[in-house]
Amino acid sequence: MSKKPHSFGWEHEPKVERASAKAGANSFEPLAVTSARLPKPAQSQRDVPNPRDSSLSRLAEAWLKELPDDVRPDALSKRYPRIAKRLALC
């Protein structure tokens, strides 16, 4: 009894790619790229900086005061106050 080969969901891919993938494990023919879409640089995906993110909230300041000196993230709260504010909410 012969089994039908599994297509691994390649039905939606172009026939050129499917043919080269099924050619065999030893076939390393380069595929032609017809329309490559490169991702946008990370800088263009970032939000505009919010002025409130540059200072600690009262809640974050209170949270930092409650922590023992040896575990208090002072450098983090000075350099990245928005992250310290998020941690204070947890």
C-alpha atoms as a PDB file:
ATOM      1  CA  MET A   1       0.000   0.000   0.000  1.00  0.00           C
ATOM      2  CA  SER A   2       1.615   3.262  -1.089  1.00  0.00           C
ATOM      3  CA  LYS A   3       1.230   6.431   0.883  1.00  0.00           C
ATOM      4  CA  LYS A   4       0.526   9.766  -0.717  1.00  0.00           C
ATOM      5  CA  PRO A   5       3.527  12.102  -0.185  1.00  0.00           C
ATOM      6  CA  HIS A   6       2.838  14.943   2.215  1.00  0.00           C
ATOM      7  CA  SER A   7       3.091  18.364   0.596  1.00  0.00           C
ATOM      8  CA  PHE A   8       3.885  20.216   3.851  1.00  0.00           C
ATOM      9  CA  GLY A   9       1.476  23.027   2.986  1.00  0.00           C
ATOM     10  CA  TRP A  10       3.432  24.029  -0.111  1.00  0.00           C
ATOM     11  CA  GLU A  11       0.315  24.208  -2.241  1.00  0.00           C
ATOM     12  CA  HIS A  12       0.203  27.984  -1.908  1.00  0.00           C
ATOM     13  CA  GLU A  13       3.833  28.518  -2.984  1.00  0.00           C
ATOM     14  CA  PRO A  14       4.881  29.216  -6.578  1.00  0.00           C
ATOM     15  CA  LYS A  15       5.419  26.135  -8.741  1.00  0.00           C
ATOM     16  CA  VAL A  16       9.067  27.072  -9.332  1.00  0.00           C
ATOM     17  CA  GLU A  17       9.815  26.768  -5.618  1.00  0.00           C
ATOM     18  CA  ARG A  18       7.774  23.591  -5.228  1.00  0.00           C
ATOM     19  CA  ALA A  19       9.552  21.909  -8.132  1.00  0.00           C
ATOM     20  CA  SER A  20      13.009  22.677  -6.767  1.00  0.00           C
ATOM     21  CA  ALA A  21      12.057  21.580  -3.256  1.00  0.00           C
ATOM     22  CA  LYS A  22      10.774  18.232  -4.514  1.00  0.00           C
ATOM     23  CA  ALA A  23      13.773  17.697  -6.813  1.00  0.00           C
ATOM     24  CA  GLY A  24      15.732  16.033  -4.046  1.00  0.00           C
ATOM     25  CA  ALA A  25      17.874  16.660  -1.032  1.00  0.00           C
ATOM     26  CA  ASN A  26      21.017  17.058  -3.142  1.00  0.00           C
ATOM     27  CA  SER A  27      19.562  19.706  -5.429  1.00  0.00           C
ATOM     28  CA  PHE A  28      20.730  23.167  -4.398  1.00  0.00           C
ATOM     29  CA  GLU A  29      19.627  25.236  -7.344  1.00  0.00           C
ATOM     30  CA  PRO A  30      19.113  28.914  -6.506  1.00  0.00           C
ATOM     31  CA  LEU A  31      15.572  30.151  -6.865  1.00  0.00           C
ATOM     32  CA  ALA A  32      14.768  33.297  -8.769  1.00  0.00           C
ATOM     33  CA  VAL A  33      13.202  35.968  -6.599  1.00  0.00           C
ATOM     34  CA  THR A  34      10.569  37.818  -8.556  1.00  0.00           C
ATOM     35  CA  SER A  35       9.342  40.341  -6.011  1.00  0.00           C
ATOM     36  CA  ALA A  36      11.277  40.656  -2.796  1.00  0.00           C
ATOM     37  CA  ARG A  37       9.847  42.897  -0.118  1.00  0.00           C
ATOM     38  CA  LEU A  38      12.480  43.959   2.334  1.00  0.00           C
ATOM     39  CA  PRO A  39      11.405  44.818   5.873  1.00  0.00           C
ATOM     40  CA  LYS A  40      11.442  48.445   6.886  1.00  0.00           C
ATOM     41  CA  PRO A  41      14.317  49.574   9.077  1.00  0.00           C
ATOM     42  CA  ALA A  42      13.553  49.325  12.795  1.00  0.00           C
ATOM     43  CA  GLN A  43      13.883  53.085  13.249  1.00  0.00           C
ATOM     44  CA  SER A  44      10.892  53.739  10.984  1.00  0.00           C
ATOM     45  CA  GLN A  45       8.730  51.302  12.988  1.00  0.00           C
ATOM     46  CA  ARG A  46       9.256  53.006  16.330  1.00  0.00           C
ATOM     47  CA  ASP A  47       6.684  55.287  17.859  1.00  0.00           C
ATOM     48  CA  VAL A  48       7.384  58.958  18.335  1.00  0.00           C
ATOM     49  CA  PRO A  49       8.997  59.448  21.766  1.00  0.00           C
ATOM     50  CA  ASN A  50       6.519  60.482  24.427  1.00  0.00           C
ATOM     51  CA  PRO A  51       7.740  63.224  26.818  1.00  0.00           C
ATOM     52  CA  ARG A  52       6.161  61.344  29.748  1.00  0.00           C
ATOM     53  CA  ASP A  53       8.526  58.435  29.115  1.00  0.00           C
ATOM     54  CA  SER A  54      11.562  60.507  30.088  1.00  0.00           C
ATOM     55  CA  SER A  55      10.680  60.818  33.788  1.00  0.00           C
ATOM     56  CA  LEU A  56       9.559  58.478  36.566  1.00  0.00           C
ATOM     57  CA  SER A  57       5.997  58.468  37.817  1.00  0.00           C
ATOM     58  CA  ARG A  58       5.152  58.803  41.508  1.00  0.00           C
ATOM     59  CA  LEU A  59       4.230  55.151  41.571  1.00  0.00           C
ATOM     60  CA  ALA A  60       7.610  54.151  40.142  1.00  0.00           C
ATOM     61  CA  GLU A  61       9.447  56.379  42.616  1.00  0.00           C
ATOM     62  CA  ALA A  62       7.533  54.806  45.524  1.00  0.00           C
ATOM     63  CA  TRP A  63       8.264  51.318  44.196  1.00  0.00           C
ATOM     64  CA  LEU A  64      11.994  52.080  43.948  1.00  0.00           C
ATOM     65  CA  LYS A  65      12.059  53.390  47.533  1.00  0.00           C
ATOM     66  CA  GLU A  66      10.481  50.154  48.800  1.00  0.00           C
ATOM     67  CA  LEU A  67      13.164  47.953  47.247  1.00  0.00           C
ATOM     68  CA  PRO A  68      16.317  47.017  49.185  1.00  0.00           C
ATOM     69  CA  ASP A  69      19.456  48.886  48.097  1.00  0.00           C
ATOM     70  CA  ASP A  70      21.175  45.776  46.734  1.00  0.00           C
ATOM     71  CA  VAL A  71      18.366  44.983  44.245  1.00  0.00           C
ATOM     72  CA  ARG A  72      17.140  48.487  43.373  1.00  0.00           C
ATOM     73  CA  PRO A  73      17.530  49.085  39.613  1.00  0.00           C
ATOM     74  CA  ASP A  74      18.961  52.619  39.876  1.00  0.00           C
ATOM     75  CA  ALA A  75      20.809  52.580  36.542  1.00  0.00           C
ATOM     76  CA  LEU A  76      17.749  51.231  34.741  1.00  0.00           C
ATOM     77  CA  SER A  77      15.435  53.827  36.264  1.00  0.00           C
ATOM     78  CA  LYS A  78      17.779  56.658  35.251  1.00  0.00           C
ATOM     79  CA  ARG A  79      18.484  55.473  31.726  1.00  0.00           C
ATOM     80  CA  TYR A  80      15.095  53.898  30.889  1.00  0.00           C
ATOM     81  CA  PRO A  81      12.433  55.427  33.147  1.00  0.00           C
ATOM     82  CA  ARG A  82       9.623  54.075  30.966  1.00  0.00           C
ATOM     83  CA  ILE A  83      10.743  50.508  31.738  1.00  0.00           C
ATOM     84  CA  ALA A  84      10.959  51.244  35.463  1.00  0.00           C
ATOM     85  CA  LYS A  85       7.411  52.592  35.309  1.00  0.00           C
ATOM     86  CA  ARG A  86       6.244  49.353  33.678  1.00  0.00           C
ATOM     87  CA  LEU A  87       7.967  47.260  36.328  1.00  0.00           C
ATOM     88  CA  ALA A  88       6.328  49.329  39.059  1.00  0.00           C
ATOM     89  CA  LEU A  89       2.926  48.355  37.662  1.00  0.00           C
ATOM     90  CA  CYS A  90       3.646  44.612  37.981  1.00  0.00           C
END
